[in-house]
Amino acid sequence: HRGIVEQIEPVQADVGGSEHFVVRGADGVLAG
């Protein structure tokens, strides 16, 4: 992956067409 700050366009997926859905709990811990 390339980090967010390294991307040229904000709508361009980071590596060849990847999008990510992140779920965090109230404590900020990654849950899904």
PDB file of all heavy atoms in Angstrom:
ATOM      1  N   HIS A   1       0.816  -1.215   0.000  1.00  0.00           N
ATOM      2  CA  HIS A   1       0.000   0.000   0.000  1.00  0.00           C
ATOM      3  C   HIS A   1       0.852   1.269   0.000  1.00  0.00           C
ATOM      4  O   HIS A   1       1.999   1.271   0.438  1.00  0.00           O
ATOM      5  CB  HIS A   1      -0.919   0.028   1.216  1.00  0.00           C
ATOM      6  CG  HIS A   1      -0.269   0.587   2.454  1.00  0.00           C
ATOM      7  ND1 HIS A   1       0.688  -0.093   3.158  1.00  0.00           N
ATOM      8  CD2 HIS A   1      -0.415   1.782   3.065  1.00  0.00           C
ATOM      9  CE1 HIS A   1       1.100   0.664   4.174  1.00  0.00           C
ATOM     10  NE2 HIS A   1       0.446   1.796   4.138  1.00  0.00           N
ATOM     11  N   ARG A   2       0.242   2.332  -0.510  1.00  0.00           N
ATOM     12  CA  ARG A   2       0.803   3.667  -0.359  1.00  0.00           C
ATOM     13  C   ARG A   2      -0.050   4.411   0.651  1.00  0.00           C
ATOM     14  O   ARG A   2      -1.274   4.339   0.616  1.00  0.00           O
ATOM     15  CB  ARG A   2       0.770   4.425  -1.705  1.00  0.00           C
ATOM     16  CG  ARG A   2       1.725   3.868  -2.730  1.00  0.00           C
ATOM     17  CD  ARG A   2       1.712   4.718  -3.986  1.00  0.00           C
ATOM     18  NE  ARG A   2       0.436   4.582  -4.682  1.00  0.00           N
ATOM     19  CZ  ARG A   2      -0.301   5.607  -5.111  1.00  0.00           C
ATOM     20  NH1 ARG A   2       0.092   6.837  -4.880  1.00  0.00           N
ATOM     21  NH2 ARG A   2      -1.411   5.412  -5.771  1.00  0.00           N
ATOM     22  N   GLY A   3       0.563   5.140   1.552  1.00  0.00           N
ATOM     23  CA  GLY A   3      -0.169   5.888   2.564  1.00  0.00           C
ATOM     24  C   GLY A   3      -1.020   6.981   1.952  1.00  0.00           C
ATOM     25  O   GLY A   3      -0.812   7.413   0.823  1.00  0.00           O
ATOM     26  N   ILE A   4      -1.997   7.457   2.707  1.00  0.00           N
ATOM     27  CA  ILE A   4      -2.938   8.450   2.209  1.00  0.00           C
ATOM     28  C   ILE A   4      -2.226   9.693   1.702  1.00  0.00           C
ATOM     29  O   ILE A   4      -2.557  10.235   0.646  1.00  0.00           O
ATOM     30  CB  ILE A   4      -3.945   8.823   3.324  1.00  0.00           C
ATOM     31  CG1 ILE A   4      -4.749   7.566   3.720  1.00  0.00           C
ATOM     32  CG2 ILE A   4      -4.876   9.929   2.871  1.00  0.00           C
ATOM     33  CD1 ILE A   4      -5.622   7.774   4.918  1.00  0.00           C
ATOM     34  N   VAL A   5      -1.216  10.145   2.423  1.00  0.00           N
ATOM     35  CA  VAL A   5      -0.547  11.400   2.052  1.00  0.00           C
ATOM     36  C   VAL A   5       0.242  11.250   0.763  1.00  0.00           C
ATOM     37  O   VAL A   5       0.613  12.247   0.142  1.00  0.00           O
ATOM     38  CB  VAL A   5       0.392  11.884   3.175  1.00  0.00           C
ATOM     39  CG1 VAL A   5      -0.400  12.213   4.424  1.00  0.00           C
ATOM     40  CG2 VAL A   5       1.463  10.851   3.470  1.00  0.00           C
ATOM     41  N   GLU A   6       0.519  10.006   0.345  1.00  0.00           N
ATOM     42  CA  GLU A   6       1.312   9.792  -0.859  1.00  0.00           C
ATOM     43  C   GLU A   6       0.455   9.705  -2.118  1.00  0.00           C
ATOM     44  O   GLU A   6       0.972   9.639  -3.215  1.00  0.00           O
ATOM     45  CB  GLU A   6       2.119   8.499  -0.725  1.00  0.00           C
ATOM     46  CG  GLU A   6       3.125   8.520   0.414  1.00  0.00           C
ATOM     47  CD  GLU A   6       3.739   7.146   0.599  1.00  0.00           C
ATOM     48  OE1 GLU A   6       4.713   6.838  -0.083  1.00  0.00           O
ATOM     49  OE2 GLU A   6       3.207   6.389   1.425  1.00  0.00           O
ATOM     50  N   GLN A   7      -0.867   9.701  -1.962  1.00  0.00           N
ATOM     51  CA  GLN A   7      -1.732   9.547  -3.111  1.00  0.00           C
ATOM     52  C   GLN A   7      -1.845  10.844  -3.892  1.00  0.00           C
ATOM     53  O   GLN A   7      -1.859  11.930  -3.328  1.00  0.00           O
ATOM     54  CB  GLN A   7      -3.115   9.087  -2.666  1.00  0.00           C
ATOM     55  CG  GLN A   7      -3.070   7.697  -2.043  1.00  0.00           C
ATOM     56  CD  GLN A   7      -4.449   7.235  -1.655  1.00  0.00           C
ATOM     57  OE1 GLN A   7      -5.326   7.240  -2.487  1.00  0.00           O
ATOM     58  NE2 GLN A   7      -4.620   6.871  -0.414  1.00  0.00           N
ATOM     59  N   ILE A   8      -1.926  10.714  -5.203  1.00  0.00           N
ATOM     60  CA  ILE A   8      -1.998  11.881  -6.077  1.00  0.00           C
ATOM     61  C   ILE A   8      -3.413  12.461  -6.079  1.00  0.00           C
ATOM     62  O   ILE A   8      -3.605  13.669  -6.007  1.00  0.00           O
ATOM     63  CB  ILE A   8      -1.577  11.492  -7.507  1.00  0.00           C
ATOM     64  CG1 ILE A   8      -0.125  11.004  -7.493  1.00  0.00           C
ATOM     65  CG2 ILE A   8      -1.740  12.664  -8.462  1.00  0.00           C
ATOM     66  CD1 ILE A   8       0.335  10.423  -8.814  1.00  0.00           C
ATOM     67  N   GLU A   9      -4.425  11.586  -6.177  1.00  0.00           N
ATOM     68  CA  GLU A   9      -5.810  12.033  -6.193  1.00  0.00           C
ATOM     69  C   GLU A   9      -6.536  11.446  -4.987  1.00  0.00           C
ATOM     70  O   GLU A   9      -6.406  10.270  -4.690  1.00  0.00           O
ATOM     71  CB  GLU A   9      -6.500  11.580  -7.482  1.00  0.00           C
ATOM     72  CG  GLU A   9      -5.844  12.109  -8.748  1.00  0.00           C
ATOM     73  CD  GLU A   9      -6.524  11.566  -9.989  1.00  0.00           C
ATOM     74  OE1 GLU A   9      -7.671  11.100  -9.876  1.00  0.00           O
ATOM     75  OE2 GLU A   9      -5.906  11.617 -11.063  1.00  0.00           O
ATOM     76  N   PRO A  10      -7.346  12.230  -4.289  1.00  0.00           N
ATOM     77  CA  PRO A  10      -8.023  11.732  -3.093  1.00  0.00           C
ATOM     78  C   PRO A  10      -9.032  10.635  -3.373  1.00  0.00           C
ATOM     79  O   PRO A  10      -9.445   9.920  -2.472  1.00  0.00           O
ATOM     80  CB  PRO A  10      -8.707  12.987  -2.530  1.00  0.00           C
ATOM     81  CG  PRO A  10      -8.833  13.905  -3.700  1.00  0.00           C
ATOM     82  CD  PRO A  10      -7.628  13.644  -4.552  1.00  0.00           C
ATOM     83  N   VAL A  11      -9.459  10.480  -4.632  1.00  0.00           N
ATOM     84  CA  VAL A  11     -10.434   9.437  -4.942  1.00  0.00           C
ATOM     85  C   VAL A  11      -9.783   8.210  -5.572  1.00  0.00           C
ATOM     86  O   VAL A  11     -10.449   7.297  -5.978  1.00  0.00           O
ATOM     87  CB  VAL A  11     -11.523   9.973  -5.900  1.00  0.00           C
ATOM     88  CG1 VAL A  11     -12.328  11.055  -5.234  1.00  0.00           C
ATOM     89  CG2 VAL A  11     -10.894  10.472  -7.188  1.00  0.00           C
ATOM     90  N   GLN A  12      -8.489   8.203  -5.666  1.00  0.00           N
ATOM     91  CA  GLN A  12      -7.771   7.082  -6.278  1.00  0.00           C
ATOM     92  C   GLN A  12      -7.418   6.060  -5.205  1.00  0.00           C
ATOM     93  O   GLN A  12      -6.843   6.392  -4.179  1.00  0.00           O
ATOM     94  CB  GLN A  12      -6.499   7.589  -6.957  1.00  0.00           C
ATOM     95  CG  GLN A  12      -5.663   6.474  -7.584  1.00  0.00           C
ATOM     96  CD  GLN A  12      -4.393   7.028  -8.211  1.00  0.00           C
ATOM     97  OE1 GLN A  12      -4.323   8.203  -8.511  1.00  0.00           O
ATOM     98  NE2 GLN A  12      -3.404   6.167  -8.387  1.00  0.00           N
ATOM     99  N   ALA A  13      -7.813   4.792  -5.453  1.00  0.00           N
ATOM    100  CA  ALA A  13      -7.495   3.754  -4.479  1.00  0.00           C
ATOM    101  C   ALA A  13      -5.983   3.608  -4.359  1.00  0.00           C
ATOM    102  O   ALA A  13      -5.241   3.879  -5.288  1.00  0.00           O
ATOM    103  CB  ALA A  13      -8.127   2.428  -4.900  1.00  0.00           C
ATOM    104  N   ASP A  14      -5.517   3.175  -3.179  1.00  0.00           N
ATOM    105  CA  ASP A  14      -4.087   3.227  -2.914  1.00  0.00           C
ATOM    106  C   ASP A  14      -3.274   2.234  -3.724  1.00  0.00           C
ATOM    107  O   ASP A  14      -2.161   2.514  -4.118  1.00  0.00           O
ATOM    108  CB  ASP A  14      -3.807   3.046  -1.417  1.00  0.00           C
ATOM    109  CG  ASP A  14      -4.381   1.760  -0.868  1.00  0.00           C
ATOM    110  OD1 ASP A  14      -5.366   1.241  -1.418  1.00  0.00           O
ATOM    111  OD2 ASP A  14      -3.848   1.265   0.122  1.00  0.00           O
ATOM    112  N   VAL A  15      -3.793   1.033  -3.984  1.00  0.00           N
ATOM    113  CA  VAL A  15      -3.040   0.057  -4.763  1.00  0.00           C
ATOM    114  C   VAL A  15      -3.991  -0.611  -5.745  1.00  0.00           C
ATOM    115  O   VAL A  15      -4.779  -1.466  -5.361  1.00  0.00           O
ATOM    116  CB  VAL A  15      -2.385  -1.009  -3.859  1.00  0.00           C
ATOM    117  CG1 VAL A  15      -1.679  -2.053  -4.712  1.00  0.00           C
ATOM    118  CG2 VAL A  15      -1.409  -0.371  -2.900  1.00  0.00           C
ATOM    119  N   GLY A  16      -3.938  -0.199  -6.980  1.00  0.00           N
ATOM    120  CA  GLY A  16      -4.630  -0.880  -8.070  1.00  0.00           C
ATOM    121  C   GLY A  16      -6.072  -1.231  -7.821  1.00  0.00           C
ATOM    122  O   GLY A  16      -6.506  -2.312  -8.192  1.00  0.00           O
ATOM    123  N   GLY A  17      -6.837  -0.371  -7.209  1.00  0.00           N
ATOM    124  CA  GLY A  17      -8.259  -0.627  -7.030  1.00  0.00           C
ATOM    125  C   GLY A  17      -8.631  -1.235  -5.698  1.00  0.00           C
ATOM    126  O   GLY A  17      -9.455  -2.151  -5.635  1.00  0.00           O
ATOM    127  N   SER A  18      -8.047  -0.757  -4.618  1.00  0.00           N
ATOM    128  CA  SER A  18      -8.408  -1.220  -3.269  1.00  0.00           C
ATOM    129  C   SER A  18      -9.151  -0.120  -2.522  1.00  0.00           C
ATOM    130  O   SER A  18      -8.732   1.040  -2.540  1.00  0.00           O
ATOM    131  CB  SER A  18      -7.154  -1.593  -2.460  1.00  0.00           C
ATOM    132  OG  SER A  18      -6.599  -2.796  -2.912  1.00  0.00           O
ATOM    133  N   GLU A  19     -10.239  -0.480  -1.877  1.00  0.00           N
ATOM    134  CA  GLU A  19     -10.925   0.410  -0.942  1.00  0.00           C
ATOM    135  C   GLU A  19     -11.096  -0.341   0.373  1.00  0.00           C
ATOM    136  O   GLU A  19     -11.171  -1.570   0.393  1.00  0.00           O
ATOM    137  CB  GLU A  19     -12.276   0.855  -1.503  1.00  0.00           C
ATOM    138  CG  GLU A  19     -12.141   1.679  -2.778  1.00  0.00           C
ATOM    139  CD  GLU A  19     -13.476   2.146  -3.349  1.00  0.00           C
ATOM    140  OE1 GLU A  19     -14.495   2.056  -2.624  1.00  0.00           O
ATOM    141  OE2 GLU A  19     -13.505   2.597  -4.510  1.00  0.00           O
ATOM    142  N   HIS A  20     -11.155   0.409   1.464  1.00  0.00           N
ATOM    143  CA  HIS A  20     -11.121  -0.192   2.792  1.00  0.00           C
ATOM    144  C   HIS A  20     -12.269   0.352   3.652  1.00  0.00           C
ATOM    145  O   HIS A  20     -12.524   1.559   3.666  1.00  0.00           O
ATOM    146  CB  HIS A  20      -9.794   0.121   3.489  1.00  0.00           C
ATOM    147  CG  HIS A  20      -8.595  -0.076   2.612  1.00  0.00           C
ATOM    148  ND1 HIS A  20      -7.911  -1.264   2.522  1.00  0.00           N
ATOM    149  CD2 HIS A  20      -7.959   0.773   1.746  1.00  0.00           C
ATOM    150  CE1 HIS A  20      -6.903  -1.140   1.661  1.00  0.00           C
ATOM    151  NE2 HIS A  20      -6.919   0.085   1.184  1.00  0.00           N
ATOM    152  N   PHE A  21     -12.938  -0.545   4.361  1.00  0.00           N
ATOM    153  CA  PHE A  21     -14.003  -0.179   5.287  1.00  0.00           C
ATOM    154  C   PHE A  21     -13.552  -0.610   6.683  1.00  0.00           C
ATOM    155  O   PHE A  21     -13.295  -1.793   6.926  1.00  0.00           O
ATOM    156  CB  PHE A  21     -15.308  -0.860   4.895  1.00  0.00           C
ATOM    157  CG  PHE A  21     -15.824  -0.419   3.549  1.00  0.00           C
ATOM    158  CD1 PHE A  21     -15.290  -0.934   2.373  1.00  0.00           C
ATOM    159  CD2 PHE A  21     -16.834   0.529   3.455  1.00  0.00           C
ATOM    160  CE1 PHE A  21     -15.750  -0.520   1.128  1.00  0.00           C
ATOM    161  CE2 PHE A  21     -17.312   0.952   2.219  1.00  0.00           C
ATOM    162  CZ  PHE A  21     -16.764   0.421   1.053  1.00  0.00           C
ATOM    163  N   VAL A  22     -13.453   0.372   7.579  1.00  0.00           N
ATOM    164  CA  VAL A  22     -12.874   0.154   8.899  1.00  0.00           C
ATOM    165  C   VAL A  22     -13.924   0.429   9.973  1.00  0.00           C
ATOM    166  O   VAL A  22     -14.556   1.482   9.961  1.00  0.00           O
ATOM    167  CB  VAL A  22     -11.647   1.077   9.104  1.00  0.00           C
ATOM    168  CG1 VAL A  22     -11.090   0.930  10.508  1.00  0.00           C
ATOM    169  CG2 VAL A  22     -10.573   0.777   8.052  1.00  0.00           C
ATOM    170  N   VAL A  23     -14.108  -0.523  10.872  1.00  0.00           N
ATOM    171  CA  VAL A  23     -15.045  -0.353  11.985  1.00  0.00           C
ATOM    172  C   VAL A  23     -14.261  -0.335  13.289  1.00  0.00           C
ATOM    173  O   VAL A  23     -13.492  -1.265  13.568  1.00  0.00           O
ATOM    174  CB  VAL A  23     -16.098  -1.480  12.028  1.00  0.00           C
ATOM    175  CG1 VAL A  23     -17.024  -1.289  13.229  1.00  0.00           C
ATOM    176  CG2 VAL A  23     -16.901  -1.517  10.740  1.00  0.00           C
ATOM    177  N   ARG A  24     -14.474   0.715  14.075  1.00  0.00           N
ATOM    178  CA  ARG A  24     -13.826   0.841  15.380  1.00  0.00           C
ATOM    179  C   ARG A  24     -14.873   0.921  16.478  1.00  0.00           C
ATOM    180  O   ARG A  24     -15.966   1.463  16.282  1.00  0.00           O
ATOM    181  CB  ARG A  24     -12.928   2.075  15.422  1.00  0.00           C
ATOM    182  CG  ARG A  24     -11.754   2.004  14.456  1.00  0.00           C
ATOM    183  CD  ARG A  24     -10.772   3.155  14.659  1.00  0.00           C
ATOM    184  NE  ARG A  24      -9.660   3.066  13.713  1.00  0.00           N
ATOM    185  CZ  ARG A  24      -8.588   2.301  13.896  1.00  0.00           C
ATOM    186  NH1 ARG A  24      -8.486   1.581  15.012  1.00  0.00           N
ATOM    187  NH2 ARG A  24      -7.622   2.247  12.993  1.00  0.00           N
ATOM    188  N   GLY A  25     -14.513   0.368  17.651  1.00  0.00           N
ATOM    189  CA  GLY A  25     -15.374   0.464  18.807  1.00  0.00           C
ATOM    190  C   GLY A  25     -15.259   1.837  19.456  1.00  0.00           C
ATOM    191  O   GLY A  25     -14.469   2.687  19.019  1.00  0.00           O
ATOM    192  N   ALA A  26     -16.034   2.045  20.526  1.00  0.00           N
ATOM    193  CA  ALA A  26     -16.009   3.334  21.232  1.00  0.00           C
ATOM    194  C   ALA A  26     -14.630   3.648  21.782  1.00  0.00           C
ATOM    195  O   ALA A  26     -14.268   4.826  21.948  1.00  0.00           O
ATOM    196  CB  ALA A  26     -17.037   3.315  22.351  1.00  0.00           C
ATOM    197  N   ASP A  27     -13.835   2.607  22.045  1.00  0.00           N
ATOM    198  CA  ASP A  27     -12.484   2.802  22.567  1.00  0.00           C
ATOM    199  C   ASP A  27     -11.455   3.011  21.454  1.00  0.00           C
ATOM    200  O   ASP A  27     -10.257   3.141  21.722  1.00  0.00           O
ATOM    201  CB  ASP A  27     -12.068   1.608  23.424  1.00  0.00           C
ATOM    202  CG  ASP A  27     -12.190   0.271  22.697  1.00  0.00           C
ATOM    203  OD1 ASP A  27     -12.553   0.277  21.490  1.00  0.00           O
ATOM    204  OD2 ASP A  27     -11.925  -0.778  23.314  1.00  0.00           O
ATOM    205  N   GLY A  28     -11.909   3.037  20.205  1.00  0.00           N
ATOM    206  CA  GLY A  28     -11.011   3.252  19.081  1.00  0.00           C
ATOM    207  C   GLY A  28     -10.322   2.005  18.570  1.00  0.00           C
ATOM    208  O   GLY A  28      -9.573   2.065  17.599  1.00  0.00           O
ATOM    209  N   VAL A  29     -10.579   0.872  19.207  1.00  0.00           N
ATOM    210  CA  VAL A  29      -9.935  -0.384  18.801  1.00  0.00           C
ATOM    211  C   VAL A  29     -10.591  -0.919  17.529  1.00  0.00           C
ATOM    212  O   VAL A  29     -11.817  -0.886  17.373  1.00  0.00           O
ATOM    213  CB  VAL A  29     -10.018  -1.425  19.935  1.00  0.00           C
ATOM    214  CG1 VAL A  29      -9.494  -2.782  19.465  1.00  0.00           C
ATOM    215  CG2 VAL A  29      -9.227  -0.950  21.138  1.00  0.00           C
ATOM    216  N   LEU A  30      -9.770  -1.433  16.600  1.00  0.00           N
ATOM    217  CA  LEU A  30     -10.281  -1.999  15.358  1.00  0.00           C
ATOM    218  C   LEU A  30     -11.107  -3.244  15.650  1.00  0.00           C
ATOM    219  O   LEU A  30     -10.620  -4.212  16.233  1.00  0.00           O
ATOM    220  CB  LEU A  30      -9.110  -2.356  14.433  1.00  0.00           C
ATOM    221  CG  LEU A  30      -9.476  -2.893  13.052  1.00  0.00           C
ATOM    222  CD1 LEU A  30     -10.200  -1.834  12.230  1.00  0.00           C
ATOM    223  CD2 LEU A  30      -8.218  -3.363  12.318  1.00  0.00           C
ATOM    224  N   ALA A  31     -12.377  -3.214  15.240  1.00  0.00           N
ATOM    225  CA  ALA A  31     -13.289  -4.324  15.507  1.00  0.00           C
ATOM    226  C   ALA A  31     -13.674  -5.079  14.250  1.00  0.00           C
ATOM    227  O   ALA A  31     -14.057  -6.247  14.314  1.00  0.00           O
ATOM    228  CB  ALA A  31     -14.551  -3.812  16.197  1.00  0.00           C
ATOM    229  N   GLY A  32     -13.604  -4.420  13.100  1.00  0.00           N
ATOM    230  CA  GLY A  32     -13.982  -5.077  11.859  1.00  0.00           C
ATOM    231  C   GLY A  32     -13.343  -4.393  10.672  1.00  0.00           C
ATOM    232  O   GLY A  32     -12.972  -3.213  10.736  1.00  0.00           O
TER     233      GLY A  32
END
